[in-house]
C-alpha atoms as a PDB file:
ATOM      1  CA  MET A   1     -27.437  52.470 -67.716  1.00  0.00           C
ATOM      2  CA  SER A   2     -24.242  54.527 -67.929  1.00  0.00           C
ATOM      3  CA  THR A   3     -23.483  58.183 -67.235  1.00  0.00           C
ATOM      4  CA  VAL A   4     -21.307  60.922 -68.696  1.00  0.00           C
ATOM      5  CA  THR A   5     -20.387  64.144 -66.961  1.00  0.00           C
ATOM      6  CA  SER A   6     -21.336  67.315 -68.812  1.00  0.00           C
ATOM      7  CA  ALA A   7     -19.147  70.435 -68.821  1.00  0.00           C
ATOM      8  CA  ASP A   8     -20.884  71.933 -65.794  1.00  0.00           C
ATOM      9  CA  GLY A   9     -20.545  68.724 -63.786  1.00  0.00           C
ATOM     10  CA  THR A  10     -24.066  67.432 -64.399  1.00  0.00           C
ATOM     11  CA  GLY A  11     -24.415  63.677 -64.744  1.00  0.00           C
ATOM     12  CA  ILE A  12     -26.291  62.619 -67.873  1.00  0.00           C
ATOM     13  CA  ALA A  13     -27.742  59.096 -67.829  1.00  0.00           C
ATOM     14  CA  PHE A  14     -27.830  57.103 -71.044  1.00  0.00           C
ATOM     15  CA  ASP A  15     -28.228  53.670 -72.594  1.00  0.00           C
ATOM     16  CA  ARG A  16     -26.072  52.411 -75.445  1.00  0.00           C
ATOM     17  CA  VAL A  17     -27.065  49.509 -77.714  1.00  0.00           C
ATOM     18  CA  GLY A  18     -25.814  48.045 -80.958  1.00  0.00           C
ATOM     19  CA  THR A  19     -22.680  48.230 -83.067  1.00  0.00           C
ATOM     20  CA  GLY A  20     -21.598  50.494 -85.873  1.00  0.00           C
ATOM     21  CA  ASP A  21     -21.359  54.249 -86.334  1.00  0.00           C
ATOM     22  CA  PRO A  22     -22.597  56.149 -83.263  1.00  0.00           C
ATOM     23  CA  LEU A  23     -26.038  57.697 -83.367  1.00  0.00           C
ATOM     24  CA  ILE A  24     -27.529  59.881 -80.603  1.00  0.00           C
ATOM     25  CA  LEU A  25     -31.334  60.216 -80.291  1.00  0.00           C
ATOM     26  CA  VAL A  26     -32.751  63.394 -78.701  1.00  0.00           C
ATOM     27  CA  ASP A  27     -36.176  63.425 -77.067  1.00  0.00           C
ATOM     28  CA  GLY A  28     -38.753  66.188 -77.075  1.00  0.00           C
ATOM     29  CA  ALA A  29     -40.815  67.645 -74.231  1.00  0.00           C
ATOM     30  CA  MET A  30     -42.256  65.420 -71.499  1.00  0.00           C
ATOM     31  CA  CYS A  31     -40.154  62.445 -72.611  1.00  0.00           C
ATOM     32  CA  TYR A  32     -37.255  60.517 -71.144  1.00  0.00           C
ATOM     33  CA  ARG A  33     -35.987  56.976 -71.511  1.00  0.00           C
ATOM     34  CA  GLU A  34     -38.726  55.491 -69.266  1.00  0.00           C
ATOM     35  CA  GLN A  35     -41.449  57.338 -71.173  1.00  0.00           C
ATOM     36  CA  SER A  36     -40.399  57.678 -74.791  1.00  0.00           C
ATOM     37  CA  PRO A  37     -40.610  55.900 -78.139  1.00  0.00           C
ATOM     38  CA  LEU A  38     -36.881  56.404 -78.720  1.00  0.00           C
ATOM     39  CA  PRO A  39     -35.672  53.237 -76.944  1.00  0.00           C
ATOM     40  CA  GLU A  40     -37.753  51.228 -79.389  1.00  0.00           C
ATOM     41  CA  PHE A  41     -36.207  53.189 -82.262  1.00  0.00           C
ATOM     42  CA  ALA A  42     -32.794  52.411 -80.805  1.00  0.00           C
ATOM     43  CA  LYS A  43     -33.583  48.708 -80.582  1.00  0.00           C
ATOM     44  CA  GLN A  44     -34.538  48.616 -84.265  1.00  0.00           C
ATOM     45  CA  LEU A  45     -31.468  50.631 -85.332  1.00  0.00           C
ATOM     46  CA  ALA A  46     -29.010  48.650 -83.206  1.00  0.00           C
ATOM     47  CA  ALA A  47     -28.126  46.182 -85.951  1.00  0.00           C
ATOM     48  CA  ASP A  48     -26.508  48.997 -87.929  1.00  0.00           C
ATOM     49  CA  PHE A  49     -25.484  51.651 -85.399  1.00  0.00           C
ATOM     50  CA  THR A  50     -24.290  52.153 -81.855  1.00  0.00           C
ATOM     51  CA  VAL A  51     -27.361  54.020 -80.615  1.00  0.00           C
ATOM     52  CA  TYR A  52     -27.476  56.320 -77.596  1.00  0.00           C
ATOM     53  CA  THR A  53     -30.716  57.217 -75.831  1.00  0.00           C
ATOM     54  CA  TYR A  54     -30.403  59.529 -72.851  1.00  0.00           C
ATOM     55  CA  ASP A  55     -32.334  61.412 -70.222  1.00  0.00           C
ATOM     56  CA  ARG A  56     -32.132  65.102 -70.959  1.00  0.00           C
ATOM     57  CA  ARG A  57     -31.107  67.087 -67.891  1.00  0.00           C
ATOM     58  CA  GLY A  58     -33.794  67.367 -65.243  1.00  0.00           C
ATOM     59  CA  ARG A  59     -35.439  64.114 -66.342  1.00  0.00           C
ATOM     60  CA  GLY A  60     -35.228  60.499 -65.313  1.00  0.00           C
ATOM     61  CA  GLU A  61     -31.831  59.625 -63.895  1.00  0.00           C
ATOM     62  CA  SER A  62     -29.934  62.666 -65.164  1.00  0.00           C
ATOM     63  CA  GLY A  63     -28.970  65.601 -62.949  1.00  0.00           C
ATOM     64  CA  ASP A  64     -30.173  69.175 -63.246  1.00  0.00           C
ATOM     65  CA  THR A  65     -27.534  71.703 -62.178  1.00  0.00           C
ATOM     66  CA  ALA A  66     -28.815  75.279 -61.807  1.00  0.00           C
ATOM     67  CA  PRO A  67     -28.988  77.713 -63.448  1.00  0.00           C
ATOM     68  CA  TYR A  68     -30.389  76.286 -66.658  1.00  0.00           C
ATOM     69  CA  ALA A  69     -29.295  77.596 -70.057  1.00  0.00           C
ATOM     70  CA  PRO A  70     -29.822  76.090 -73.513  1.00  0.00           C
ATOM     71  CA  GLU A  71     -26.046  75.916 -73.954  1.00  0.00           C
ATOM     72  CA  ARG A  72     -25.885  73.334 -71.150  1.00  0.00           C
ATOM     73  CA  GLU A  73     -28.001  70.918 -73.154  1.00  0.00           C
ATOM     74  CA  ILE A  74     -25.703  71.303 -76.129  1.00  0.00           C
ATOM     75  CA  GLU A  75     -22.809  70.490 -73.799  1.00  0.00           C
ATOM     76  CA  ASP A  76     -24.709  67.378 -72.685  1.00  0.00           C
ATOM     77  CA  ILE A  77     -24.780  66.153 -76.272  1.00  0.00           C
ATOM     78  CA  GLU A  78     -21.110  67.003 -76.623  1.00  0.00           C
ATOM     79  CA  ALA A  79     -20.334  64.819 -73.586  1.00  0.00           C
ATOM     80  CA  LEU A  80     -22.187  61.932 -75.204  1.00  0.00           C
ATOM     81  CA  MET A  81     -20.269  62.456 -78.401  1.00  0.00           C
ATOM     82  CA  LYS A  82     -16.994  62.218 -76.528  1.00  0.00           C
ATOM     83  CA  ASP A  83     -18.134  58.891 -75.093  1.00  0.00           C
ATOM     84  CA  ALA A  84     -19.002  57.834 -78.665  1.00  0.00           C
ATOM     85  CA  GLY A  85     -15.453  58.514 -79.842  1.00  0.00           C
ATOM     86  CA  GLY A  86     -15.627  62.184 -80.698  1.00  0.00           C
ATOM     87  CA  SER A  87     -18.419  62.497 -83.256  1.00  0.00           C
ATOM     88  CA  ALA A  88     -21.827  61.001 -84.015  1.00  0.00           C
ATOM     89  CA  HIS A  89     -24.919  61.115 -86.136  1.00  0.00           C
ATOM     90  CA  LEU A  90     -27.728  63.045 -84.467  1.00  0.00           C
ATOM     91  CA  PHE A  91     -31.516  62.620 -84.607  1.00  0.00           C
ATOM     92  CA  GLY A  92     -34.022  64.781 -82.754  1.00  0.00           C
ATOM     93  CA  THR A  93     -37.792  64.729 -82.575  1.00  0.00           C
ATOM     94  CA  SER A  94     -40.193  67.603 -81.804  1.00  0.00           C
ATOM     95  CA  SER A  95     -38.475  70.181 -79.571  1.00  0.00           C
ATOM     96  CA  GLY A  96     -35.552  67.757 -79.403  1.00  0.00           C
ATOM     97  CA  ALA A  97     -35.154  68.316 -83.133  1.00  0.00           C
ATOM     98  CA  MET A  98     -34.473  72.000 -82.461  1.00  0.00           C
ATOM     99  CA  LEU A  99     -31.954  71.049 -79.741  1.00  0.00           C
ATOM    100  CA  ALA A 100     -30.208  68.756 -82.225  1.00  0.00           C
ATOM    101  CA  LEU A 101     -30.239  71.523 -84.837  1.00  0.00           C
ATOM    102  CA  GLU A 102     -28.738  74.012 -82.402  1.00  0.00           C
ATOM    103  CA  ALA A 103     -26.065  71.490 -81.445  1.00  0.00           C
ATOM    104  CA  ALA A 104     -25.047  71.158 -85.089  1.00  0.00           C
ATOM    105  CA  ASN A 105     -25.148  74.930 -85.557  1.00  0.00           C
ATOM    106  CA  ALA A 106     -22.927  75.379 -82.497  1.00  0.00           C
ATOM    107  CA  GLY A 107     -20.228  73.364 -84.212  1.00  0.00           C
ATOM    108  CA  LEU A 108     -20.492  69.994 -82.480  1.00  0.00           C
ATOM    109  CA  PRO A 109     -18.956  67.203 -84.588  1.00  0.00           C
ATOM    110  CA  VAL A 110     -22.220  65.965 -86.070  1.00  0.00           C
ATOM    111  CA  ARG A 111     -21.761  63.529 -88.962  1.00  0.00           C
ATOM    112  CA  ARG A 112     -25.318  63.580 -90.281  1.00  0.00           C
ATOM    113  CA  LEU A 113     -28.394  65.277 -88.857  1.00  0.00           C
ATOM    114  CA  ALA A 114     -32.052  64.149 -89.011  1.00  0.00           C
ATOM    115  CA  LEU A 115     -34.973  66.116 -87.596  1.00  0.00           C
ATOM    116  CA  TYR A 116     -38.588  64.991 -87.157  1.00  0.00           C
ATOM    117  CA  GLU A 117     -41.323  67.634 -86.884  1.00  0.00           C
ATOM    118  CA  PRO A 118     -39.824  70.514 -84.946  1.00  0.00           C
ATOM    119  CA  PRO A 119     -42.969  72.423 -83.816  1.00  0.00           C
ATOM    120  CA  LEU A 120     -42.502  75.665 -85.732  1.00  0.00           C
ATOM    121  CA  ILE A 121     -45.389  78.079 -86.453  1.00  0.00           C
ATOM    122  CA  VAL A 122     -44.427  80.152 -89.511  1.00  0.00           C
ATOM    123  CA  ASP A 123     -47.817  81.412 -90.781  1.00  0.00           C
ATOM    124  CA  ASP A 124     -51.428  81.956 -89.752  1.00  0.00           C
ATOM    125  CA  THR A 125     -52.585  78.328 -90.061  1.00  0.00           C
ATOM    126  CA  ARG A 126     -52.806  78.075 -86.280  1.00  0.00           C
ATOM    127  CA  PRO A 127     -52.701  80.575 -83.423  1.00  0.00           C
ATOM    128  CA  PRO A 128     -49.215  81.454 -82.166  1.00  0.00           C
ATOM    129  CA  ILE A 129     -47.856  80.144 -78.881  1.00  0.00           C
ATOM    130  CA  PRO A 130     -47.932  82.926 -76.250  1.00  0.00           C
ATOM    131  CA  ALA A 131     -44.570  84.638 -75.824  1.00  0.00           C
ATOM    132  CA  ASP A 132     -44.828  84.329 -72.038  1.00  0.00           C
ATOM    133  CA  VAL A 133     -45.536  80.601 -72.019  1.00  0.00           C
ATOM    134  CA  THR A 134     -42.172  79.690 -70.414  1.00  0.00           C
ATOM    135  CA  ASP A 135     -42.855  82.136 -67.559  1.00  0.00           C
ATOM    136  CA  ARG A 136     -46.270  80.578 -67.048  1.00  0.00           C
ATOM    137  CA  PHE A 137     -44.770  77.087 -66.893  1.00  0.00           C
ATOM    138  CA  SER A 138     -42.225  78.247 -64.331  1.00  0.00           C
ATOM    139  CA  ALA A 139     -44.829  80.045 -62.244  1.00  0.00           C
ATOM    140  CA  SER A 140     -47.055  76.958 -62.039  1.00  0.00           C
ATOM    141  CA  VAL A 141     -44.122  74.799 -60.917  1.00  0.00           C
ATOM    142  CA  ALA A 142     -42.951  77.413 -58.395  1.00  0.00           C
ATOM    143  CA  GLN A 143     -46.463  77.510 -56.932  1.00  0.00           C
ATOM    144  CA  GLY A 144     -46.409  73.750 -56.415  1.00  0.00           C
ATOM    145  CA  LYS A 145     -48.816  73.089 -59.259  1.00  0.00           C
ATOM    146  CA  PRO A 146     -46.857  71.056 -61.831  1.00  0.00           C
ATOM    147  CA  GLY A 147     -50.109  69.541 -63.138  1.00  0.00           C
ATOM    148  CA  ASP A 148     -51.172  73.037 -64.231  1.00  0.00           C
ATOM    149  CA  ALA A 149     -47.935  73.355 -66.232  1.00  0.00           C
ATOM    150  CA  VAL A 150     -48.586  69.992 -67.916  1.00  0.00           C
ATOM    151  CA  LYS A 151     -52.163  71.014 -68.758  1.00  0.00           C
ATOM    152  CA  LEU A 152     -50.937  74.295 -70.215  1.00  0.00           C
ATOM    153  CA  PHE A 153     -48.453  72.378 -72.358  1.00  0.00           C
ATOM    154  CA  MET A 154     -51.120  69.967 -73.550  1.00  0.00           C
ATOM    155  CA  ARG A 155     -53.369  72.844 -74.572  1.00  0.00           C
ATOM    156  CA  GLN A 156     -50.532  74.470 -76.536  1.00  0.00           C
ATOM    157  CA  VAL A 157     -49.965  71.239 -78.490  1.00  0.00           C
ATOM    158  CA  GLU A 158     -53.693  71.036 -79.237  1.00  0.00           C
ATOM    159  CA  VAL A 159     -54.616  68.058 -77.103  1.00  0.00           C
ATOM    160  CA  PRO A 160     -58.444  68.145 -76.699  1.00  0.00           C
ATOM    161  CA  ALA A 161     -59.804  68.939 -73.223  1.00  0.00           C
ATOM    162  CA  PHE A 162     -61.480  65.525 -72.891  1.00  0.00           C
ATOM    163  CA  ALA A 163     -58.184  63.810 -73.697  1.00  0.00           C
ATOM    164  CA  ILE A 164     -56.348  65.858 -71.071  1.00  0.00           C
ATOM    165  CA  ALA A 165     -58.978  64.832 -68.521  1.00  0.00           C
ATOM    166  CA  MET A 166     -58.463  61.171 -69.433  1.00  0.00           C
ATOM    167  CA  MET A 167     -54.668  61.500 -69.245  1.00  0.00           C
ATOM    168  CA  LYS A 168     -54.937  62.766 -65.669  1.00  0.00           C
ATOM    169  CA  LEU A 169     -56.243  59.328 -64.705  1.00  0.00           C
ATOM    170  CA  MET A 170     -53.299  57.461 -66.212  1.00  0.00           C
ATOM    171  CA  PRO A 171     -49.950  56.564 -64.595  1.00  0.00           C
ATOM    172  CA  ALA A 172     -48.070  58.666 -67.144  1.00  0.00           C
ATOM    173  CA  TRP A 173     -49.609  61.846 -65.701  1.00  0.00           C
ATOM    174  CA  SER A 174     -47.632  61.611 -62.463  1.00  0.00           C
ATOM    175  CA  LYS A 175     -44.449  61.015 -64.473  1.00  0.00           C
ATOM    176  CA  MET A 176     -45.111  64.118 -66.532  1.00  0.00           C
ATOM    177  CA  LYS A 177     -45.706  66.195 -63.396  1.00  0.00           C
ATOM    178  CA  ARG A 178     -42.296  65.123 -62.076  1.00  0.00           C
ATOM    179  CA  ILE A 179     -40.577  66.656 -65.103  1.00  0.00           C
ATOM    180  CA  ALA A 180     -42.916  69.630 -65.600  1.00  0.00           C
ATOM    181  CA  HIS A 181     -40.088  71.942 -64.500  1.00  0.00           C
ATOM    182  CA  THR A 182     -38.248  71.061 -67.740  1.00  0.00           C
ATOM    183  CA  LEU A 183     -40.947  72.508 -70.002  1.00  0.00           C
ATOM    184  CA  PRO A 184     -39.200  75.910 -70.074  1.00  0.00           C
ATOM    185  CA  TYR A 185     -36.061  74.064 -71.208  1.00  0.00           C
ATOM    186  CA  ASP A 186     -37.826  72.780 -74.317  1.00  0.00           C
ATOM    187  CA  PHE A 187     -39.514  76.061 -75.111  1.00  0.00           C
ATOM    188  CA  SER A 188     -36.217  77.885 -74.902  1.00  0.00           C
ATOM    189  CA  PHE A 189     -35.392  76.124 -78.185  1.00  0.00           C
ATOM    190  CA  VAL A 190     -38.699  76.618 -79.999  1.00  0.00           C
ATOM    191  CA  ASN A 191     -40.780  79.501 -78.677  1.00  0.00           C
ATOM    192  CA  ALA A 192     -38.996  82.195 -80.689  1.00  0.00           C
ATOM    193  CA  TYR A 193     -40.196  80.395 -83.814  1.00  0.00           C
ATOM    194  CA  GLN A 194     -43.823  79.833 -82.776  1.00  0.00           C
ATOM    195  CA  HIS A 195     -45.359  83.236 -83.426  1.00  0.00           C
ATOM    196  CA  GLY A 196     -46.517  82.898 -87.035  1.00  0.00           C
ATOM    197  CA  LYS A 197     -43.558  84.660 -88.616  1.00  0.00           C
ATOM    198  CA  PRO A 198     -41.177  83.412 -91.311  1.00  0.00           C
ATOM    199  CA  LEU A 199     -38.011  81.767 -90.049  1.00  0.00           C
ATOM    200  CA  PRO A 200     -34.907  83.983 -90.007  1.00  0.00           C
ATOM    201  CA  ARG A 201     -32.742  83.511 -93.040  1.00  0.00           C
ATOM    202  CA  GLN A 202     -29.331  83.618 -91.347  1.00  0.00           C
ATOM    203  CA  ARG A 203     -30.075  81.691 -88.143  1.00  0.00           C
ATOM    204  CA  TRP A 204     -28.609  78.245 -88.872  1.00  0.00           C
ATOM    205  CA  THR A 205     -25.978  78.980 -91.522  1.00  0.00           C
ATOM    206  CA  ASN A 206     -23.310  76.993 -89.642  1.00  0.00           C
ATOM    207  CA  VAL A 207     -25.146  73.715 -90.315  1.00  0.00           C
ATOM    208  CA  ALA A 208     -23.041  72.282 -93.110  1.00  0.00           C
ATOM    209  CA  VAL A 209     -23.607  68.541 -92.602  1.00  0.00           C
ATOM    210  CA  PRO A 210     -26.104  66.462 -94.651  1.00  0.00           C
ATOM    211  CA  THR A 211     -29.500  67.035 -93.049  1.00  0.00           C
ATOM    212  CA  LEU A 212     -32.850  65.267 -93.408  1.00  0.00           C
ATOM    213  CA  VAL A 213     -35.954  67.180 -92.295  1.00  0.00           C
ATOM    214  CA  ILE A 214     -39.006  64.915 -91.963  1.00  0.00           C
ATOM    215  CA  ASP A 215     -42.725  65.339 -91.340  1.00  0.00           C
ATOM    216  CA  GLY A 216     -45.801  63.132 -91.305  1.00  0.00           C
ATOM    217  CA  GLY A 217     -48.332  63.239 -94.104  1.00  0.00           C
ATOM    218  CA  LYS A 218     -51.258  63.350 -91.627  1.00  0.00           C
ATOM    219  CA  SER A 219     -49.791  66.003 -89.335  1.00  0.00           C
ATOM    220  CA  PRO A 220     -51.552  69.388 -89.124  1.00  0.00           C
ATOM    221  CA  GLN A 221     -50.900  71.813 -91.939  1.00  0.00           C
ATOM    222  CA  TRP A 222     -49.226  74.346 -89.626  1.00  0.00           C
ATOM    223  CA  MET A 223     -46.734  71.699 -88.527  1.00  0.00           C
ATOM    224  CA  ARG A 224     -45.942  70.629 -92.080  1.00  0.00           C
ATOM    225  CA  ASN A 225     -45.575  74.254 -93.193  1.00  0.00           C
ATOM    226  CA  GLY A 226     -43.037  74.869 -90.436  1.00  0.00           C
ATOM    227  CA  VAL A 227     -41.053  71.721 -91.242  1.00  0.00           C
ATOM    228  CA  ARG A 228     -40.886  72.581 -94.937  1.00  0.00           C
ATOM    229  CA  ALA A 229     -39.868  76.153 -94.112  1.00  0.00           C
ATOM    230  CA  LEU A 230     -37.006  74.884 -91.983  1.00  0.00           C
ATOM    231  CA  ALA A 231     -35.837  72.539 -94.745  1.00  0.00           C
ATOM    232  CA  ASP A 232     -35.875  75.492 -97.126  1.00  0.00           C
ATOM    233  CA  ARG A 233     -33.688  77.537 -94.719  1.00  0.00           C
ATOM    234  CA  LEU A 234     -30.999  74.883 -94.221  1.00  0.00           C
ATOM    235  CA  PRO A 235     -28.443  74.882 -97.035  1.00  0.00           C
ATOM    236  CA  THR A 236     -27.757  71.126 -96.973  1.00  0.00           C
ATOM    237  CA  ALA A 237     -31.253  69.800 -96.141  1.00  0.00           C
ATOM    238  CA  GLN A 238     -33.499  67.285 -97.845  1.00  0.00           C
ATOM    239  CA  TYR A 239     -37.235  67.391 -97.067  1.00  0.00           C
ATOM    240  CA  HIS A 240     -39.090  64.078 -96.675  1.00  0.00           C
ATOM    241  CA  THR A 241     -42.709  63.204 -95.817  1.00  0.00           C
ATOM    242  CA  LEU A 242     -43.777  59.910 -94.227  1.00  0.00           C
ATOM    243  CA  PRO A 243     -47.226  59.089 -95.664  1.00  0.00           C
ATOM    244  CA  GLY A 244     -49.885  58.384 -93.096  1.00  0.00           C
ATOM    245  CA  GLN A 245     -47.824  59.513 -90.107  1.00  0.00           C
ATOM    246  CA  THR A 246     -48.540  62.133 -87.438  1.00  0.00           C
ATOM    247  CA  HIS A 247     -46.423  63.738 -84.727  1.00  0.00           C
ATOM    248  CA  MET A 248     -46.596  60.402 -82.892  1.00  0.00           C
ATOM    249  CA  VAL A 249     -44.586  58.733 -85.607  1.00  0.00           C
ATOM    250  CA  LYS A 250     -44.417  54.938 -85.796  1.00  0.00           C
ATOM    251  CA  ALA A 251     -41.026  53.254 -85.660  1.00  0.00           C
ATOM    252  CA  ALA A 252     -41.976  51.040 -88.601  1.00  0.00           C
ATOM    253  CA  ALA A 253     -42.317  54.153 -90.782  1.00  0.00           C
ATOM    254  CA  LEU A 254     -39.408  56.224 -89.500  1.00  0.00           C
ATOM    255  CA  VAL A 255     -36.630  53.733 -88.741  1.00  0.00           C
ATOM    256  CA  PRO A 256     -36.064  52.559 -92.343  1.00  0.00           C
ATOM    257  CA  VAL A 257     -35.728  56.185 -93.481  1.00  0.00           C
ATOM    258  CA  LEU A 258     -33.233  56.952 -90.712  1.00  0.00           C
ATOM    259  CA  ARG A 259     -31.279  53.770 -91.416  1.00  0.00           C
ATOM    260  CA  GLU A 260     -30.904  54.621 -95.088  1.00  0.00           C
ATOM    261  CA  PHE A 261     -29.954  58.234 -94.419  1.00  0.00           C
ATOM    262  CA  PHE A 262     -27.386  57.583 -91.721  1.00  0.00           C
ATOM    263  CA  ALA A 263     -25.809  54.711 -93.654  1.00  0.00           C
ATOM    264  CA  GLN A 264     -24.787  57.059 -96.482  1.00  0.00           C
ATOM    265  CA  HIS A 265     -21.206  58.279 -96.732  1.00  0.00           C
END
């Protein structure tokens, strides 16, 4: 493990493997290096790239300087890019895809950008996420009930009640409770686009790098509709579907696509 210091002084913990052009992988909600598929992705990409996986602030071995703002997480990626030599490819999954997108839109030196299934609700194919969901997460944590925040999150991402009950019996549940306070961080990137309305036309016009927007062929229709809508909004984006995949995408399906895309010049 290594660390970089973000602009506000927060230490961001990361692992670096492989050789080649630098590639930073960005996790979604409830994930960090100890509890994430991204380290396996990094292992498989390491023959071709120098791959960074990191703990987003407030998770794992990274710090969490108050007050939080979405701009701080963009600065965290910028600090990793400086360690990588000044620029890097960027891949994000789920809410981490929206963080990666915002980093590119903010002008960070992103070489190529790939996004997997940002959770956008752009029509009536599923109920919208409540506008006050971040406040409800924060209230549960402030009341000393992080498990309630995790349950609320699981309900929003359509995990069945019986599955939530089973998850509470597993070791991963305690790990998720420890980072429940970061749920508002993730939703600060996505909740504005989860109310069943079309995506704004002028929101990400600064993204000029080659971009690949990916979904899974077995993901819910609302998810796929949102991913396609985002690809349509980005001026340099390609849209790609991985047959047979869901939001829990398999490395065997995704890694070859990422390798081919990031290897292009």
